[in-house]
N, C-alpha and C. Protein backbone atom coordinates (compact mmCIF):
# COMPACT_ATOMS: atom_id res chain seq x y z
N MET A 1 0.73 -1.47 -0.01
CA MET A 1 0.16 -0.14 0.29
C MET A 1 0.59 1.17 0.09
N LYS A 2 2.23 1.20 0.63
CA LYS A 2 2.73 2.41 0.98
C LYS A 2 3.39 2.76 -0.59
N THR A 3 3.57 1.99 -1.46
CA THR A 3 4.34 1.88 -2.39
C THR A 3 3.08 2.69 -3.34
N LEU A 4 1.94 2.43 -3.54
CA LEU A 4 1.22 2.79 -4.14
C LEU A 4 0.62 4.41 -3.65
N PHE A 5 0.86 4.56 -2.58
CA PHE A 5 0.66 5.79 -1.97
C PHE A 5 1.69 6.99 -2.60
N GLN A 6 2.73 6.02 -2.24
CA GLN A 6 4.24 6.80 -2.82
C GLN A 6 3.89 7.05 -4.42
N GLN A 7 3.33 6.21 -5.17
CA GLN A 7 3.82 6.65 -6.73
C GLN A 7 2.24 7.81 -6.82
N GLY A 8 1.15 7.76 -6.25
CA GLY A 8 -0.07 8.29 -6.03
C GLY A 8 0.38 9.91 -5.72
N ARG A 9 1.41 10.22 -4.76
CA ARG A 9 1.76 11.35 -4.37
C ARG A 9 3.00 11.82 -5.53
N LYS A 10 3.62 10.65 -6.40
CA LYS A 10 4.19 11.05 -7.30
C LYS A 10 3.75 11.85 -8.60
N GLU A 11 2.40 10.97 -9.07
CA GLU A 11 1.74 11.53 -10.22
C GLU A 11 0.76 12.61 -9.80
N GLY A 12 0.83 13.22 -8.70
CA GLY A 12 -0.14 14.03 -8.27
C GLY A 12 -1.76 13.93 -7.76
N ALA A 13 -1.98 12.45 -7.62
CA ALA A 13 -3.24 12.21 -6.98
C ALA A 13 -3.40 11.98 -5.76
N ILE A 14 -2.52 11.88 -4.70
CA ILE A 14 -2.66 12.07 -3.49
C ILE A 14 -1.46 12.99 -2.83
N SER A 15 -2.27 14.15 -2.18
CA SER A 15 -1.41 15.34 -1.69
C SER A 15 0.00 14.82 -0.66
N SER A 16 1.10 15.50 -0.76
CA SER A 16 1.66 15.10 0.23
C SER A 16 1.56 14.92 1.61
N LYS A 17 0.53 16.31 1.95
CA LYS A 17 0.38 16.39 3.14
C LYS A 17 -0.37 15.14 3.98
N TYR A 18 -0.81 13.93 3.39
CA TYR A 18 -1.56 13.18 3.87
C TYR A 18 -0.52 11.99 3.99
N THR A 19 -0.03 11.61 5.41
CA THR A 19 0.84 10.49 5.55
C THR A 19 0.76 9.08 4.88
N ASP A 20 1.25 8.33 5.17
CA ASP A 20 1.27 6.93 5.28
C ASP A 20 0.30 6.31 6.42
N GLU A 21 0.68 6.78 7.32
CA GLU A 21 -0.01 6.21 8.66
C GLU A 21 -1.72 6.22 8.48
N PHE A 22 -1.53 8.01 7.99
CA PHE A 22 -3.20 8.40 8.23
C PHE A 22 -3.68 7.57 6.65
N LEU A 23 -3.44 7.50 5.80
CA LEU A 23 -4.26 7.02 4.40
C LEU A 23 -3.88 5.90 5.10
N LEU A 24 -3.37 4.69 5.71
CA LEU A 24 -3.43 3.06 5.97
C LEU A 24 -4.68 3.42 6.77
N LEU A 25 -4.68 4.20 8.07
CA LEU A 25 -5.77 4.15 9.07
C LEU A 25 -6.93 4.54 8.08
N TYR A 26 -7.10 5.30 7.37
CA TYR A 26 -8.70 5.61 6.59
C TYR A 26 -8.82 4.06 5.80
N PHE A 27 -8.03 3.67 5.09
CA PHE A 27 -8.36 2.39 4.37
C PHE A 27 -8.46 1.08 5.43
N GLN A 28 -8.36 1.42 6.54
CA GLN A 28 -8.60 0.46 7.65
C GLN A 28 -10.24 0.21 8.20
N CYS A 29 -10.06 1.92 7.87
CA CYS A 29 -11.29 2.21 9.30
C CYS A 29 -12.75 2.08 7.80
N LEU A 30 -11.99 2.45 6.19
CA LEU A 30 -13.13 1.68 5.29
C LEU A 30 -13.34 0.40 5.22
N VAL A 31 -12.77 -0.75 5.80
CA VAL A 31 -12.51 -2.18 5.98
C VAL A 31 -13.25 -2.55 6.81
N GLU A 32 -12.87 -1.96 7.89
CA GLU A 32 -13.05 -2.65 9.21
C GLU A 32 -14.59 -1.53 10.07
N GLY A 33 -14.46 -0.48 9.49
CA GLY A 33 -15.91 0.71 10.14
C GLY A 33 -14.96 1.31 11.43
N PHE A 34 -15.83 2.33 11.63
CA PHE A 34 -15.95 2.84 12.67
C PHE A 34 -16.22 2.46 13.98
N SER A 35 -16.94 1.26 14.10
CA SER A 35 -17.61 0.69 14.94
C SER A 35 -16.46 0.01 15.96
N GLN A 36 -15.25 0.12 15.45
CA GLN A 36 -14.23 -0.82 16.34
C GLN A 36 -13.32 -0.13 17.43
N PRO A 37 -13.55 -0.16 18.71
CA PRO A 37 -13.13 1.22 19.09
C PRO A 37 -11.39 1.56 19.08
N HIS A 38 -11.04 0.81 18.80
CA HIS A 38 -9.35 1.08 18.59
C HIS A 38 -9.10 1.84 17.53
N ILE A 39 -10.01 1.64 16.20
CA ILE A 39 -9.98 2.43 15.29
C ILE A 39 -10.53 3.66 15.38
N TYR A 40 -11.86 3.88 16.54
CA TYR A 40 -12.42 5.40 16.57
C TYR A 40 -11.18 5.85 17.21
N GLN A 41 -10.70 5.47 18.32
CA GLN A 41 -9.77 6.43 19.23
C GLN A 41 -8.47 7.01 18.44
N GLN A 42 -8.18 6.15 17.37
CA GLN A 42 -7.04 6.59 16.35
C GLN A 42 -7.62 7.77 15.67
N ALA A 43 -8.66 7.64 15.45
CA ALA A 43 -9.11 8.36 14.04
C ALA A 43 -9.40 9.45 14.82
N LEU A 44 -9.78 9.66 16.17
CA LEU A 44 -10.06 11.09 16.82
C LEU A 44 -8.90 12.09 16.32
N ALA A 45 -8.04 11.77 16.02
CA ALA A 45 -6.50 12.24 15.99
C ALA A 45 -6.69 13.22 14.39
N TYR A 46 -7.42 12.62 13.70
CA TYR A 46 -7.20 13.12 12.39
C TYR A 46 -9.00 14.01 12.07
N THR A 47 -9.24 13.95 12.80
CA THR A 47 -10.69 14.75 12.46
C THR A 47 -10.64 15.80 11.37
N LYS A 48 -9.79 16.79 11.49
CA LYS A 48 -9.36 17.77 9.92
C LYS A 48 -9.33 16.54 8.86
N GLU A 49 -8.22 15.95 9.08
CA GLU A 49 -7.93 15.23 7.71
C GLU A 49 -9.40 14.29 7.05
N TRP A 50 -9.81 13.83 7.97
CA TRP A 50 -11.31 13.13 7.87
C TRP A 50 -12.49 13.71 6.99
N SER A 51 -12.41 15.02 7.35
CA SER A 51 -13.06 16.02 6.44
C SER A 51 -12.78 16.42 5.27
N GLU A 52 -11.56 16.73 5.36
CA GLU A 52 -10.97 16.94 4.48
C GLU A 52 -11.13 16.05 3.37
N VAL A 53 -10.43 14.74 3.45
CA VAL A 53 -10.63 13.55 2.42
C VAL A 53 -12.31 13.33 2.11
N VAL A 54 -13.31 13.46 2.94
CA VAL A 54 -14.53 13.40 2.83
C VAL A 54 -14.89 14.47 1.36
N LEU A 55 -14.70 15.58 2.04
CA LEU A 55 -15.06 16.70 1.16
C LEU A 55 -14.48 16.85 -0.55
N LYS A 56 -12.54 16.91 -0.27
CA LYS A 56 -12.23 16.78 -1.43
C LYS A 56 -11.48 15.73 -1.94
N GLY A 57 -11.13 14.99 -1.41
CA GLY A 57 -10.64 13.37 -2.16
C GLY A 57 -9.26 13.94 -1.35
N PHE A 58 -8.26 13.02 -2.12
CA PHE A 58 -6.75 13.03 -1.36
C PHE A 58 -5.85 13.75 -2.29
N ALA A 59 -6.71 14.65 -3.73
CA ALA A 59 -5.42 15.39 -4.64
C ALA A 59 -5.22 16.33 -3.94
N PRO A 60 -3.97 17.07 -4.27
CA PRO A 60 -3.87 18.44 -3.85
C PRO A 60 -4.37 19.24 -4.29
């Protein structure tokens, strides 16, 4: 996944302001959902990023 993120950044499809850690968590949340307490607790730290991605996507 990290290789894909790097490629996406290089091609301009993913903004460099989103860390690999955030992107991995984002996809984990999509798969497991926010109903898992450990994911919910981690995601709280990324409230701003979640809002931006929902509204604008990952592109710069």
